[in-house]
């Protein structure tokens, strides 16, 4: 599962964060909120730094 890291305009993806796991045990839905939060936080950090 993956989430885009968005530029300050909120529409342009500048990177992505992803998580993978074993097919038989990995449950993406249990990680979705954390991956989205990490991508949002990284986008905010990049925006503050002017990237």
C-alpha atoms as a PDB file:
ATOM      1  CA  UNK A   1       0.000   0.000   0.000  1.00  0.00           C
ATOM      2  CA  UNK A   2       1.208   3.518  -0.692  1.00  0.00           C
ATOM      3  CA  UNK A   3       0.307   7.166  -0.218  1.00  0.00           C
ATOM      4  CA  UNK A   4       1.502  10.195  -2.173  1.00  0.00           C
ATOM      5  CA  UNK A   5       3.594  12.940  -0.630  1.00  0.00           C
ATOM      6  CA  UNK A   6       1.994  16.073  -2.014  1.00  0.00           C
ATOM      7  CA  UNK A   7       3.559  19.416  -2.901  1.00  0.00           C
ATOM      8  CA  UNK A   8       2.181  22.514  -1.157  1.00  0.00           C
ATOM      9  CA  UNK A   9      -0.402  22.910  -3.929  1.00  0.00           C
ATOM     10  CA  UNK A  10      -2.023  19.705  -2.632  1.00  0.00           C
ATOM     11  CA  UNK A  11      -2.343  18.270  -6.139  1.00  0.00           C
ATOM     12  CA  UNK A  12       1.148  17.404  -7.303  1.00  0.00           C
ATOM     13  CA  UNK A  13       2.817  14.258  -5.981  1.00  0.00           C
ATOM     14  CA  UNK A  14       6.523  14.793  -5.301  1.00  0.00           C
ATOM     15  CA  UNK A  15       7.196  11.414  -3.675  1.00  0.00           C
ATOM     16  CA  UNK A  16       5.442   8.424  -2.152  1.00  0.00           C
ATOM     17  CA  UNK A  17       5.639   6.310   0.978  1.00  0.00           C
ATOM     18  CA  UNK A  18       4.883   2.616   0.747  1.00  0.00           C
ATOM     19  CA  UNK A  19       4.678  -0.410   2.998  1.00  0.00           C
ATOM     20  CA  UNK A  20       4.866  -4.015   1.865  1.00  0.00           C
ATOM     21  CA  UNK A  21       4.555  -7.336   3.568  1.00  0.00           C
ATOM     22  CA  UNK A  22       4.117 -11.057   3.026  1.00  0.00           C
ATOM     23  CA  UNK A  23       1.109 -11.893   0.871  1.00  0.00           C
ATOM     24  CA  UNK A  24      -0.376 -14.347   3.337  1.00  0.00           C
ATOM     25  CA  UNK A  25      -0.113 -12.135   6.426  1.00  0.00           C
ATOM     26  CA  UNK A  26      -0.074  -8.502   5.337  1.00  0.00           C
ATOM     27  CA  UNK A  27      -3.289  -6.573   5.897  1.00  0.00           C
ATOM     28  CA  UNK A  28      -2.947  -3.175   4.174  1.00  0.00           C
ATOM     29  CA  UNK A  29      -6.056  -1.764   5.814  1.00  0.00           C
ATOM     30  CA  UNK A  30      -4.380  -2.004   9.219  1.00  0.00           C
ATOM     31  CA  UNK A  31      -1.559   0.284   8.030  1.00  0.00           C
ATOM     32  CA  UNK A  32      -3.457   2.747   5.837  1.00  0.00           C
ATOM     33  CA  UNK A  33      -3.930   5.499   8.432  1.00  0.00           C
ATOM     34  CA  UNK A  34      -0.273   5.412   9.501  1.00  0.00           C
ATOM     35  CA  UNK A  35       1.023   5.517   5.920  1.00  0.00           C
ATOM     36  CA  UNK A  36      -1.283   8.423   5.024  1.00  0.00           C
ATOM     37  CA  UNK A  37      -0.247  10.304   8.178  1.00  0.00           C
ATOM     38  CA  UNK A  38       3.441   9.790   7.407  1.00  0.00           C
ATOM     39  CA  UNK A  39       2.979  11.029   3.833  1.00  0.00           C
ATOM     40  CA  UNK A  40       1.058  14.087   5.034  1.00  0.00           C
ATOM     41  CA  UNK A  41       3.699  14.885   7.657  1.00  0.00           C
ATOM     42  CA  UNK A  42       6.508  14.545   5.135  1.00  0.00           C
ATOM     43  CA  UNK A  43       4.664  16.819   2.685  1.00  0.00           C
ATOM     44  CA  UNK A  44       4.243  19.431   5.447  1.00  0.00           C
ATOM     45  CA  UNK A  45       7.923  19.243   6.345  1.00  0.00           C
ATOM     46  CA  UNK A  46       8.961  19.678   2.716  1.00  0.00           C
ATOM     47  CA  UNK A  47       6.595  22.649   2.340  1.00  0.00           C
ATOM     48  CA  UNK A  48       8.111  24.365   5.406  1.00  0.00           C
ATOM     49  CA  UNK A  49      11.584  23.864   3.960  1.00  0.00           C
ATOM     50  CA  UNK A  50      10.577  25.332   0.629  1.00  0.00           C
ATOM     51  CA  UNK A  51      10.901  22.182  -1.507  1.00  0.00           C
END
